[in-house]
């Protein structure tokens, strides 16, 4: 049973690290601030959340597992909201979208429904 838990935690750490690397690559490769924030908020949150759960499982302590689940819930509640507010503030300040952007819903007023 202990080796199964170790393998599970190792797999979760690898998966979480892979998502964190994908988020970092998204920050480097994506063309504008809006898509970069999207990559960081989605993949970064998923990667850190999976690694937090792995930490809680590996510790074998109920208190640590509870705190890691609370941290995961905190990430899931705050990362999308903060990314949305940062994107909205970036748009208001005047950061331009990439040339490859197809639709700008903020300028047409259709996003206010």
PDB file of N, CA and C in Angstrom:
ATOM      1  N   UNK A   1       0.816  -1.198   0.000  1.00  0.00           N
ATOM      2  CA  UNK A   1       0.000   0.000   0.000  1.00  0.00           C
ATOM      3  C   UNK A   1       0.858   1.260   0.000  1.00  0.00           C
ATOM      4  N   UNK A   2       1.949   1.227   0.736  1.00  0.00           N
ATOM      5  CA  UNK A   2       2.830   2.402   0.815  1.00  0.00           C
ATOM      6  C   UNK A   2       3.486   2.694  -0.523  1.00  0.00           C
ATOM      7  N   UNK A   3       3.846   1.641  -1.264  1.00  0.00           N
ATOM      8  CA  UNK A   3       4.462   1.867  -2.575  1.00  0.00           C
ATOM      9  C   UNK A   3       3.446   2.427  -3.564  1.00  0.00           C
ATOM     10  N   UNK A   4       2.173   2.027  -3.434  1.00  0.00           N
ATOM     11  CA  UNK A   4       1.131   2.586  -4.295  1.00  0.00           C
ATOM     12  C   UNK A   4       0.965   4.083  -4.051  1.00  0.00           C
ATOM     13  N   UNK A   5       0.961   4.485  -2.775  1.00  0.00           N
ATOM     14  CA  UNK A   5       0.828   5.900  -2.431  1.00  0.00           C
ATOM     15  C   UNK A   5       2.030   6.678  -2.962  1.00  0.00           C
ATOM     16  N   UNK A   6       3.214   6.111  -2.841  1.00  0.00           N
ATOM     17  CA  UNK A   6       4.411   6.777  -3.350  1.00  0.00           C
ATOM     18  C   UNK A   6       4.350   6.935  -4.862  1.00  0.00           C
ATOM     19  N   UNK A   7       3.906   5.907  -5.560  1.00  0.00           N
ATOM     20  CA  UNK A   7       3.779   6.003  -7.018  1.00  0.00           C
ATOM     21  C   UNK A   7       2.697   7.004  -7.419  1.00  0.00           C
ATOM     22  N   UNK A   8       1.588   7.020  -6.684  1.00  0.00           N
ATOM     23  CA  UNK A   8       0.527   7.975  -6.965  1.00  0.00           C
ATOM     24  C   UNK A   8       1.015   9.410  -6.773  1.00  0.00           C
ATOM     25  N   UNK A   9       1.705   9.640  -5.680  1.00  0.00           N
ATOM     26  CA  UNK A   9       2.230  10.977  -5.407  1.00  0.00           C
ATOM     27  C   UNK A   9       3.266  11.371  -6.454  1.00  0.00           C
ATOM     28  N   UNK A  10       4.124  10.436  -6.847  1.00  0.00           N
ATOM     29  CA  UNK A  10       5.123  10.732  -7.874  1.00  0.00           C
ATOM     30  C   UNK A  10       4.452  11.085  -9.206  1.00  0.00           C
ATOM     31  N   UNK A  11       3.409  10.342  -9.564  1.00  0.00           N
ATOM     32  CA  UNK A  11       2.693  10.645 -10.808  1.00  0.00           C
ATOM     33  C   UNK A  11       2.012  12.006 -10.724  1.00  0.00           C
ATOM     34  N   UNK A  12       1.427  12.313  -9.571  1.00  0.00           N
ATOM     35  CA  UNK A  12       0.783  13.611  -9.415  1.00  0.00           C
ATOM     36  C   UNK A  12       1.790  14.749  -9.462  1.00  0.00           C
ATOM     37  N   UNK A  13       2.963  14.548  -8.893  1.00  0.00           N
ATOM     38  CA  UNK A  13       4.000  15.586  -8.949  1.00  0.00           C
ATOM     39  C   UNK A  13       4.479  15.811 -10.374  1.00  0.00           C
ATOM     40  N   UNK A  14       4.600  14.739 -11.137  1.00  0.00           N
ATOM     41  CA  UNK A  14       5.020  14.874 -12.536  1.00  0.00           C
ATOM     42  C   UNK A  14       3.947  15.586 -13.346  1.00  0.00           C
ATOM     43  N   UNK A  15       2.688  15.221 -13.128  1.00  0.00           N
ATOM     44  CA  UNK A  15       1.586  15.869 -13.846  1.00  0.00           C
ATOM     45  C   UNK A  15       1.500  17.348 -13.466  1.00  0.00           C
ATOM     46  N   UNK A  16       1.596  17.654 -12.191  1.00  0.00           N
ATOM     47  CA  UNK A  16       1.555  19.044 -11.746  1.00  0.00           C
ATOM     48  C   UNK A  16       2.721  19.857 -12.276  1.00  0.00           C
ATOM     49  N   UNK A  17       3.896  19.239 -12.294  1.00  0.00           N
ATOM     50  CA  UNK A  17       5.069  19.925 -12.839  1.00  0.00           C
ATOM     51  C   UNK A  17       4.924  20.166 -14.335  1.00  0.00           C
ATOM     52  N   UNK A  18       4.336  19.208 -15.041  1.00  0.00           N
ATOM     53  CA  UNK A  18       4.130  19.373 -16.482  1.00  0.00           C
ATOM     54  C   UNK A  18       3.183  20.538 -16.758  1.00  0.00           C
ATOM     55  N   UNK A  19       2.110  20.643 -15.989  1.00  0.00           N
ATOM     56  CA  UNK A  19       1.197  21.767 -16.181  1.00  0.00           C
ATOM     57  C   UNK A  19       1.863  23.097 -15.822  1.00  0.00           C
ATOM     58  N   UNK A  20       2.708  23.098 -14.811  1.00  0.00           N
ATOM     59  CA  UNK A  20       3.417  24.321 -14.459  1.00  0.00           C
ATOM     60  C   UNK A  20       4.399  24.729 -15.553  1.00  0.00           C
ATOM     61  N   UNK A  21       5.051  23.753 -16.162  1.00  0.00           N
ATOM     62  CA  UNK A  21       5.957  24.055 -17.277  1.00  0.00           C
ATOM     63  C   UNK A  21       5.165  24.575 -18.474  1.00  0.00           C
ATOM     64  N   UNK A  22       4.005  23.988 -18.730  1.00  0.00           N
ATOM     65  CA  UNK A  22       3.157  24.469 -19.824  1.00  0.00           C
ATOM     66  C   UNK A  22       2.737  25.914 -19.561  1.00  0.00           C
ATOM     67  N   UNK A  23       2.402  26.238 -18.322  1.00  0.00           N
ATOM     68  CA  UNK A  23       2.043  27.621 -17.981  1.00  0.00           C
ATOM     69  C   UNK A  23       3.226  28.556 -18.192  1.00  0.00           C
ATOM     70  N   UNK A  24       4.410  28.123 -17.802  1.00  0.00           N
ATOM     71  CA  UNK A  24       5.598  28.961 -17.998  1.00  0.00           C
ATOM     72  C   UNK A  24       5.892  29.158 -19.479  1.00  0.00           C
ATOM     73  N   UNK A  25       5.754  28.105 -20.265  1.00  0.00           N
ATOM     74  CA  UNK A  25       5.955  28.237 -21.711  1.00  0.00           C
ATOM     75  C   UNK A  25       4.901  29.152 -22.333  1.00  0.00           C
ATOM     76  N   UNK A  26       3.676  29.092 -21.821  1.00  0.00           N
ATOM     77  CA  UNK A  26       2.635  29.986 -22.304  1.00  0.00           C
ATOM     78  C   UNK A  26       2.958  31.434 -22.028  1.00  0.00           C
ATOM     79  N   UNK A  27       3.559  31.697 -20.866  1.00  0.00           N
ATOM     80  CA  UNK A  27       3.968  33.070 -20.555  1.00  0.00           C
ATOM     81  C   UNK A  27       5.042  33.576 -21.507  1.00  0.00           C
ATOM     82  N   UNK A  28       5.881  32.670 -21.962  1.00  0.00           N
ATOM     83  CA  UNK A  28       6.972  33.062 -22.856  1.00  0.00           C
ATOM     84  C   UNK A  28       6.496  33.159 -24.302  1.00  0.00           C
ATOM     85  N   UNK A  29       5.713  32.205 -24.756  1.00  0.00           N
ATOM     86  CA  UNK A  29       5.409  32.060 -26.177  1.00  0.00           C
ATOM     87  C   UNK A  29       4.178  32.805 -26.673  1.00  0.00           C
ATOM     88  N   UNK A  30       3.202  33.049 -25.822  1.00  0.00           N
ATOM     89  CA  UNK A  30       1.948  33.626 -26.294  1.00  0.00           C
ATOM     90  C   UNK A  30       2.104  35.114 -26.618  1.00  0.00           C
ATOM     91  N   UNK A  31       1.298  35.629 -27.553  1.00  0.00           N
ATOM     92  CA  UNK A  31       1.592  36.935 -28.141  1.00  0.00           C
ATOM     93  C   UNK A  31       1.202  38.167 -27.323  1.00  0.00           C
ATOM     94  N   UNK A  32       0.159  38.100 -26.504  1.00  0.00           N
ATOM     95  CA  UNK A  32      -0.237  39.316 -25.799  1.00  0.00           C
ATOM     96  C   UNK A  32      -0.557  39.018 -24.337  1.00  0.00           C
ATOM     97  N   UNK A  33      -0.809  40.087 -23.600  1.00  0.00           N
ATOM     98  CA  UNK A  33      -0.995  39.967 -22.157  1.00  0.00           C
ATOM     99  C   UNK A  33      -2.233  39.144 -21.812  1.00  0.00           C
ATOM    100  N   UNK A  34      -3.238  39.176 -22.646  1.00  0.00           N
ATOM    101  CA  UNK A  34      -4.493  38.481 -22.353  1.00  0.00           C
ATOM    102  C   UNK A  34      -4.338  36.963 -22.462  1.00  0.00           C
ATOM    103  N   UNK A  35      -3.693  36.507 -23.509  1.00  0.00           N
ATOM    104  CA  UNK A  35      -3.491  35.067 -23.651  1.00  0.00           C
ATOM    105  C   UNK A  35      -2.451  34.567 -22.652  1.00  0.00           C
ATOM    106  N   UNK A  36      -1.504  35.394 -22.295  1.00  0.00           N
ATOM    107  CA  UNK A  36      -0.531  35.000 -21.267  1.00  0.00           C
ATOM    108  C   UNK A  36      -1.201  34.816 -19.913  1.00  0.00           C
ATOM    109  N   UNK A  37      -2.092  35.736 -19.584  1.00  0.00           N
ATOM    110  CA  UNK A  37      -2.823  35.588 -18.321  1.00  0.00           C
ATOM    111  C   UNK A  37      -3.705  34.352 -18.329  1.00  0.00           C
ATOM    112  N   UNK A  38      -4.274  34.041 -19.475  1.00  0.00           N
ATOM    113  CA  UNK A  38      -5.100  32.841 -19.579  1.00  0.00           C
ATOM    114  C   UNK A  38      -4.271  31.587 -19.313  1.00  0.00           C
ATOM    115  N   UNK A  39      -3.102  31.519 -19.925  1.00  0.00           N
ATOM    116  CA  UNK A  39      -2.235  30.354 -19.719  1.00  0.00           C
ATOM    117  C   UNK A  39      -1.793  30.241 -18.266  1.00  0.00           C
ATOM    118  N   UNK A  40      -1.423  31.358 -17.686  1.00  0.00           N
ATOM    119  CA  UNK A  40      -0.946  31.323 -16.303  1.00  0.00           C
ATOM    120  C   UNK A  40      -2.058  30.970 -15.331  1.00  0.00           C
ATOM    121  N   UNK A  41      -3.245  31.483 -15.566  1.00  0.00           N
ATOM    122  CA  UNK A  41      -4.313  31.224 -14.604  1.00  0.00           C
ATOM    123  C   UNK A  41      -4.867  29.807 -14.733  1.00  0.00           C
ATOM    124  N   UNK A  42      -4.951  29.273 -15.926  1.00  0.00           N
ATOM    125  CA  UNK A  42      -5.528  27.928 -16.091  1.00  0.00           C
ATOM    126  C   UNK A  42      -4.501  26.841 -15.776  1.00  0.00           C
ATOM    127  N   UNK A  43      -3.421  26.813 -16.537  1.00  0.00           N
ATOM    128  CA  UNK A  43      -2.447  25.728 -16.364  1.00  0.00           C
ATOM    129  C   UNK A  43      -1.676  25.868 -15.055  1.00  0.00           C
ATOM    130  N   UNK A  44      -1.368  27.087 -14.657  1.00  0.00           N
ATOM    131  CA  UNK A  44      -0.654  27.280 -13.395  1.00  0.00           C
ATOM    132  C   UNK A  44      -1.467  26.863 -12.194  1.00  0.00           C
ATOM    133  N   UNK A  45      -2.751  27.173 -12.210  1.00  0.00           N
ATOM    134  CA  UNK A  45      -3.634  26.778 -11.116  1.00  0.00           C
ATOM    135  C   UNK A  45      -3.784  25.265 -11.053  1.00  0.00           C
ATOM    136  N   UNK A  46      -3.960  24.651 -12.199  1.00  0.00           N
ATOM    137  CA  UNK A  46      -4.095  23.193 -12.222  1.00  0.00           C
ATOM    138  C   UNK A  46      -2.807  22.518 -11.747  1.00  0.00           C
ATOM    139  N   UNK A  47      -1.664  22.996 -12.213  1.00  0.00           N
ATOM    140  CA  UNK A  47      -0.390  22.398 -11.808  1.00  0.00           C
ATOM    141  C   UNK A  47      -0.127  22.526 -10.323  1.00  0.00           C
ATOM    142  N   UNK A  48      -0.310  23.728  -9.785  1.00  0.00           N
ATOM    143  CA  UNK A  48      -0.061  23.903  -8.355  1.00  0.00           C
ATOM    144  C   UNK A  48      -1.100  23.162  -7.519  1.00  0.00           C
ATOM    145  N   UNK A  49      -2.328  23.068  -8.013  1.00  0.00           N
ATOM    146  CA  UNK A  49      -3.357  22.332  -7.274  1.00  0.00           C
ATOM    147  C   UNK A  49      -3.061  20.841  -7.184  1.00  0.00           C
ATOM    148  N   UNK A  50      -2.639  20.264  -8.289  1.00  0.00           N
ATOM    149  CA  UNK A  50      -2.303  18.828  -8.279  1.00  0.00           C
ATOM    150  C   UNK A  50      -1.108  18.569  -7.367  1.00  0.00           C
ATOM    151  N   UNK A  51      -0.127  19.468  -7.379  1.00  0.00           N
ATOM    152  CA  UNK A  51       1.025  19.282  -6.495  1.00  0.00           C
ATOM    153  C   UNK A  51       0.652  19.479  -5.030  1.00  0.00           C
ATOM    154  N   UNK A  52      -0.283  20.370  -4.742  1.00  0.00           N
ATOM    155  CA  UNK A  52      -0.750  20.529  -3.361  1.00  0.00           C
ATOM    156  C   UNK A  52      -1.464  19.276  -2.869  1.00  0.00           C
ATOM    157  N   UNK A  53      -2.285  18.682  -3.702  1.00  0.00           N
ATOM    158  CA  UNK A  53      -2.960  17.441  -3.314  1.00  0.00           C
ATOM    159  C   UNK A  53      -1.935  16.327  -3.102  1.00  0.00           C
ATOM    160  N   UNK A  54      -0.924  16.269  -3.964  1.00  0.00           N
ATOM    161  CA  UNK A  54       0.132  15.260  -3.788  1.00  0.00           C
ATOM    162  C   UNK A  54       0.851  15.453  -2.460  1.00  0.00           C
ATOM    163  N   UNK A  55       1.110  16.696  -2.088  1.00  0.00           N
ATOM    164  CA  UNK A  55       1.739  16.976  -0.802  1.00  0.00           C
ATOM    165  C   UNK A  55       0.882  16.489   0.352  1.00  0.00           C
ATOM    166  N   UNK A  56      -0.421  16.766   0.271  1.00  0.00           N
ATOM    167  CA  UNK A  56      -1.321  16.337   1.333  1.00  0.00           C
ATOM    168  C   UNK A  56      -1.407  14.831   1.464  1.00  0.00           C
ATOM    169  N   UNK A  57      -1.421  14.142   0.329  1.00  0.00           N
ATOM    170  CA  UNK A  57      -1.479  12.680   0.359  1.00  0.00           C
ATOM    171  C   UNK A  57      -0.180  12.099   0.908  1.00  0.00           C
ATOM    172  N   UNK A  58       0.943  12.640   0.464  1.00  0.00           N
ATOM    173  CA  UNK A  58       2.242  12.102   0.867  1.00  0.00           C
ATOM    174  C   UNK A  58       2.511  12.321   2.351  1.00  0.00           C
ATOM    175  N   UNK A  59       2.004  13.411   2.908  1.00  0.00           N
ATOM    176  CA  UNK A  59       2.288  13.697   4.316  1.00  0.00           C
ATOM    177  C   UNK A  59       1.664  12.656   5.244  1.00  0.00           C
ATOM    178  N   UNK A  60       0.514  12.109   4.862  1.00  0.00           N
ATOM    179  CA  UNK A  60      -0.136  11.117   5.708  1.00  0.00           C
ATOM    180  C   UNK A  60      -0.788  11.721   6.943  1.00  0.00           C
ATOM    181  N   UNK A  61      -0.810  13.039   7.008  1.00  0.00           N
ATOM    182  CA  UNK A  61      -1.389  13.752   8.139  1.00  0.00           C
ATOM    183  C   UNK A  61      -2.688  14.409   7.688  1.00  0.00           C
ATOM    184  N   UNK A  62      -3.737  14.227   8.462  1.00  0.00           N
ATOM    185  CA  UNK A  62      -5.036  14.772   8.092  1.00  0.00           C
ATOM    186  C   UNK A  62      -5.004  16.300   8.086  1.00  0.00           C
ATOM    187  N   UNK A  63      -4.285  16.890   9.017  1.00  0.00           N
ATOM    188  CA  UNK A  63      -4.190  18.349   9.077  1.00  0.00           C
ATOM    189  C   UNK A  63      -3.512  18.929   7.846  1.00  0.00           C
ATOM    190  N   UNK A  64      -2.441  18.290   7.408  1.00  0.00           N
ATOM    191  CA  UNK A  64      -1.747  18.762   6.209  1.00  0.00           C
ATOM    192  C   UNK A  64      -2.597  18.561   4.970  1.00  0.00           C
ATOM    193  N   UNK A  65      -3.294  17.435   4.890  1.00  0.00           N
ATOM    194  CA  UNK A  65      -4.190  17.189   3.761  1.00  0.00           C
ATOM    195  C   UNK A  65      -5.322  18.218   3.726  1.00  0.00           C
ATOM    196  N   UNK A  66      -5.862  18.544   4.884  1.00  0.00           N
ATOM    197  CA  UNK A  66      -6.929  19.546   4.950  1.00  0.00           C
ATOM    198  C   UNK A  66      -6.417  20.911   4.508  1.00  0.00           C
ATOM    199  N   UNK A  67      -5.225  21.283   4.954  1.00  0.00           N
ATOM    200  CA  UNK A  67      -4.660  22.571   4.540  1.00  0.00           C
ATOM    201  C   UNK A  67      -4.337  22.603   3.059  1.00  0.00           C
ATOM    202  N   UNK A  68      -3.898  21.485   2.508  1.00  0.00           N
ATOM    203  CA  UNK A  68      -3.613  21.465   1.070  1.00  0.00           C
ATOM    204  C   UNK A  68      -4.904  21.553   0.259  1.00  0.00           C
ATOM    205  N   UNK A  69      -5.971  20.920   0.730  1.00  0.00           N
ATOM    206  CA  UNK A  69      -7.263  21.058   0.049  1.00  0.00           C
ATOM    207  C   UNK A  69      -7.805  22.480   0.177  1.00  0.00           C
ATOM    208  N   UNK A  70      -7.596  23.107   1.325  1.00  0.00           N
ATOM    209  CA  UNK A  70      -8.012  24.505   1.492  1.00  0.00           C
ATOM    210  C   UNK A  70      -7.221  25.408   0.546  1.00  0.00           C
ATOM    211  N   UNK A  71      -5.924  25.134   0.384  1.00  0.00           N
ATOM    212  CA  UNK A  71      -5.118  25.898  -0.564  1.00  0.00           C
ATOM    213  C   UNK A  71      -5.588  25.710  -1.989  1.00  0.00           C
ATOM    214  N   UNK A  72      -5.968  24.489  -2.339  1.00  0.00           N
ATOM    215  CA  UNK A  72      -6.494  24.210  -3.679  1.00  0.00           C
ATOM    216  C   UNK A  72      -7.793  24.978  -3.921  1.00  0.00           C
ATOM    217  N   UNK A  73      -8.680  24.960  -2.950  1.00  0.00           N
ATOM    218  CA  UNK A  73      -9.935  25.704  -3.085  1.00  0.00           C
ATOM    219  C   UNK A  73      -9.658  27.196  -3.220  1.00  0.00           C
ATOM    220  N   UNK A  74      -8.700  27.696  -2.449  1.00  0.00           N
ATOM    221  CA  UNK A  74      -8.322  29.102  -2.554  1.00  0.00           C
ATOM    222  C   UNK A  74      -7.806  29.424  -3.952  1.00  0.00           C
ATOM    223  N   UNK A  75      -6.945  28.569  -4.507  1.00  0.00           N
ATOM    224  CA  UNK A  75      -6.448  28.769  -5.880  1.00  0.00           C
ATOM    225  C   UNK A  75      -7.596  28.782  -6.881  1.00  0.00           C
ATOM    226  N   UNK A  76      -8.488  27.807  -6.756  1.00  0.00           N
ATOM    227  CA  UNK A  76      -9.583  27.692  -7.720  1.00  0.00           C
ATOM    228  C   UNK A  76     -10.553  28.869  -7.653  1.00  0.00           C
ATOM    229  N   UNK A  77     -10.688  29.466  -6.474  1.00  0.00           N
ATOM    230  CA  UNK A  77     -11.593  30.600  -6.337  1.00  0.00           C
ATOM    231  C   UNK A  77     -10.955  31.925  -6.730  1.00  0.00           C
ATOM    232  N   UNK A  78      -9.671  32.082  -6.501  1.00  0.00           N
ATOM    233  CA  UNK A  78      -9.047  33.390  -6.707  1.00  0.00           C
ATOM    234  C   UNK A  78      -8.350  33.555  -8.045  1.00  0.00           C
ATOM    235  N   UNK A  79      -7.794  32.519  -8.620  1.00  0.00           N
ATOM    236  CA  UNK A  79      -7.031  32.673  -9.866  1.00  0.00           C
ATOM    237  C   UNK A  79      -7.885  33.142 -11.040  1.00  0.00           C
ATOM    238  N   UNK A  80      -9.059  32.567 -11.296  1.00  0.00           N
ATOM    239  CA  UNK A  80      -9.859  33.076 -12.416  1.00  0.00           C
ATOM    240  C   UNK A  80     -10.342  34.510 -12.209  1.00  0.00           C
ATOM    241  N   UNK A  81     -10.698  34.847 -10.985  1.00  0.00           N
ATOM    242  CA  UNK A  81     -11.186  36.197 -10.700  1.00  0.00           C
ATOM    243  C   UNK A  81     -10.070  37.210 -10.880  1.00  0.00           C
ATOM    244  N   UNK A  82      -8.893  36.902 -10.349  1.00  0.00           N
ATOM    245  CA  UNK A  82      -7.787  37.854 -10.491  1.00  0.00           C
ATOM    246  C   UNK A  82      -7.350  37.987 -11.946  1.00  0.00           C
ATOM    247  N   UNK A  83      -7.344  36.902 -12.699  1.00  0.00           N
ATOM    248  CA  UNK A  83      -6.979  36.990 -14.117  1.00  0.00           C
ATOM    249  C   UNK A  83      -8.004  37.825 -14.878  1.00  0.00           C
ATOM    250  N   UNK A  84      -9.276  37.664 -14.555  1.00  0.00           N
ATOM    251  CA  UNK A  84     -10.310  38.456 -15.220  1.00  0.00           C
ATOM    252  C   UNK A  84     -10.145  39.942 -14.905  1.00  0.00           C
ATOM    253  N   UNK A  85      -9.912  40.263 -13.647  1.00  0.00           N
ATOM    254  CA  UNK A  85      -9.764  41.665 -13.266  1.00  0.00           C
ATOM    255  C   UNK A  85      -8.500  42.277 -13.856  1.00  0.00           C
ATOM    256  N   UNK A  86      -7.420  41.507 -13.903  1.00  0.00           N
ATOM    257  CA  UNK A  86      -6.194  42.012 -14.530  1.00  0.00           C
ATOM    258  C   UNK A  86      -6.379  42.248 -16.025  1.00  0.00           C
ATOM    259  N   UNK A  87      -7.098  41.348 -16.691  1.00  0.00           N
ATOM    260  CA  UNK A  87      -7.349  41.520 -18.121  1.00  0.00           C
ATOM    261  C   UNK A  87      -8.234  42.731 -18.371  1.00  0.00           C
ATOM    262  N   UNK A  88      -9.229  42.912 -17.541  1.00  0.00           N
ATOM    263  CA  UNK A  88     -10.116  44.063 -17.700  1.00  0.00           C
ATOM    264  C   UNK A  88      -9.360  45.375 -17.456  1.00  0.00           C
ATOM    265  N   UNK A  89      -8.496  45.395 -16.453  1.00  0.00           N
ATOM    266  CA  UNK A  89      -7.693  46.593 -16.190  1.00  0.00           C
ATOM    267  C   UNK A  89      -6.688  46.833 -17.315  1.00  0.00           C
ATOM    268  N   UNK A  90      -6.108  45.779 -17.841  1.00  0.00           N
ATOM    269  CA  UNK A  90      -5.174  45.919 -18.960  1.00  0.00           C
ATOM    270  C   UNK A  90      -5.870  46.493 -20.178  1.00  0.00           C
ATOM    271  N   UNK A  91      -7.080  46.057 -20.422  1.00  0.00           N
ATOM    272  CA  UNK A  91      -7.845  46.577 -21.560  1.00  0.00           C
ATOM    273  C   UNK A  91      -8.191  48.052 -21.347  1.00  0.00           C
ATOM    274  N   UNK A  92      -8.566  48.395 -20.119  1.00  0.00           N
ATOM    275  CA  UNK A  92      -8.935  49.778 -19.816  1.00  0.00           C
ATOM    276  C   UNK A  92      -7.737  50.720 -19.949  1.00  0.00           C
ATOM    277  N   UNK A  93      -6.557  50.237 -19.602  1.00  0.00           N
ATOM    278  CA  UNK A  93      -5.357  51.057 -19.700  1.00  0.00           C
ATOM    279  C   UNK A  93      -4.921  51.219 -21.152  1.00  0.00           C
ATOM    280  N   UNK A  94      -5.231  50.221 -21.982  1.00  0.00           N
ATOM    281  CA  UNK A  94      -4.919  50.364 -23.398  1.00  0.00           C
ATOM    282  C   UNK A  94      -3.954  49.346 -23.965  1.00  0.00           C
ATOM    283  N   UNK A  95      -3.698  48.245 -23.262  1.00  0.00           N
ATOM    284  CA  UNK A  95      -2.857  47.198 -23.839  1.00  0.00           C
ATOM    285  C   UNK A  95      -3.560  46.614 -25.063  1.00  0.00           C
ATOM    286  N   UNK A  96      -2.858  46.581 -26.160  1.00  0.00           N
ATOM    287  CA  UNK A  96      -3.454  46.105 -27.402  1.00  0.00           C
ATOM    288  C   UNK A  96      -3.490  44.587 -27.445  1.00  0.00           C
ATOM    289  N   UNK A  97      -4.487  44.082 -28.163  1.00  0.00           N
ATOM    290  CA  UNK A  97      -4.574  42.646 -28.393  1.00  0.00           C
ATOM    291  C   UNK A  97      -3.663  42.280 -29.550  1.00  0.00           C
ATOM    292  N   UNK A  98      -3.388  41.019 -29.663  1.00  0.00           N
ATOM    293  CA  UNK A  98      -2.544  40.519 -30.740  1.00  0.00           C
ATOM    294  C   UNK A  98      -3.223  40.745 -32.090  1.00  0.00           C
ATOM    295  N   UNK A  99      -2.429  40.808 -33.142  1.00  0.00           N
ATOM    296  CA  UNK A  99      -2.972  40.933 -34.496  1.00  0.00           C
ATOM    297  C   UNK A  99      -3.789  39.702 -34.884  1.00  0.00           C
ATOM    298  N   UNK A 100      -3.517  38.579 -34.228  1.00  0.00           N
ATOM    299  CA  UNK A 100      -4.226  37.339 -34.531  1.00  0.00           C
ATOM    300  C   UNK A 100      -5.569  37.217 -33.817  1.00  0.00           C
ATOM    301  N   UNK A 101      -5.910  38.190 -32.974  1.00  0.00           N
ATOM    302  CA  UNK A 101      -7.189  38.150 -32.266  1.00  0.00           C
ATOM    303  C   UNK A 101      -8.325  38.330 -33.264  1.00  0.00           C
ATOM    304  N   UNK A 102      -9.331  37.476 -33.177  1.00  0.00           N
ATOM    305  CA  UNK A 102     -10.425  37.480 -34.141  1.00  0.00           C
ATOM    306  C   UNK A 102     -11.541  38.439 -33.720  1.00  0.00           C
ATOM    307  N   UNK A 103     -11.949  38.389 -32.447  1.00  0.00           N
ATOM    308  CA  UNK A 103     -13.074  39.195 -31.979  1.00  0.00           C
ATOM    309  C   UNK A 103     -12.664  39.958 -30.728  1.00  0.00           C
ATOM    310  N   UNK A 104     -12.999  41.238 -30.709  1.00  0.00           N
ATOM    311  CA  UNK A 104     -12.791  42.071 -29.525  1.00  0.00           C
ATOM    312  C   UNK A 104     -14.168  42.399 -28.954  1.00  0.00           C
ATOM    313  N   UNK A 105     -14.649  41.592 -28.031  1.00  0.00           N
ATOM    314  CA  UNK A 105     -15.993  41.773 -27.500  1.00  0.00           C
ATOM    315  C   UNK A 105     -16.102  42.991 -26.590  1.00  0.00           C
ATOM    316  N   UNK A 106     -15.023  43.452 -26.049  1.00  0.00           N
ATOM    317  CA  UNK A 106     -15.082  44.611 -25.175  1.00  0.00           C
ATOM    318  C   UNK A 106     -15.345  45.897 -25.951  1.00  0.00           C
ATOM    319  N   UNK A 107     -14.820  46.028 -27.148  1.00  0.00           N
ATOM    320  CA  UNK A 107     -15.001  47.267 -27.896  1.00  0.00           C
ATOM    321  C   UNK A 107     -16.375  47.346 -28.569  1.00  0.00           C
ATOM    322  N   UNK A 108     -16.974  46.222 -28.886  1.00  0.00           N
ATOM    323  CA  UNK A 108     -18.266  46.262 -29.564  1.00  0.00           C
ATOM    324  C   UNK A 108     -19.431  46.434 -28.613  1.00  0.00           C
ATOM    325  N   UNK A 109     -19.197  46.242 -27.326  1.00  0.00           N
ATOM    326  CA  UNK A 109     -20.264  46.392 -26.346  1.00  0.00           C
ATOM    327  C   UNK A 109     -21.175  45.190 -26.236  1.00  0.00           C
ATOM    328  N   UNK A 110     -20.914  44.115 -26.972  1.00  0.00           N
ATOM    329  CA  UNK A 110     -21.768  42.930 -26.927  1.00  0.00           C
ATOM    330  C   UNK A 110     -21.499  42.077 -25.701  1.00  0.00           C
ATOM    331  N   UNK A 111     -20.404  42.299 -25.018  1.00  0.00           N
ATOM    332  CA  UNK A 111     -20.089  41.505 -23.837  1.00  0.00           C
ATOM    333  C   UNK A 111     -20.836  41.959 -22.600  1.00  0.00           C
ATOM    334  N   UNK A 112     -21.666  43.020 -22.721  1.00  0.00           N
ATOM    335  CA  UNK A 112     -22.373  43.559 -21.569  1.00  0.00           C
ATOM    336  C   UNK A 112     -23.770  42.982 -21.384  1.00  0.00           C
ATOM    337  N   UNK A 113     -24.126  41.933 -22.085  1.00  0.00           N
ATOM    338  CA  UNK A 113     -25.488  41.378 -21.998  1.00  0.00           C
ATOM    339  C   UNK A 113     -25.775  40.824 -20.664  1.00  0.00           C
TER     340      UNK A 113
END
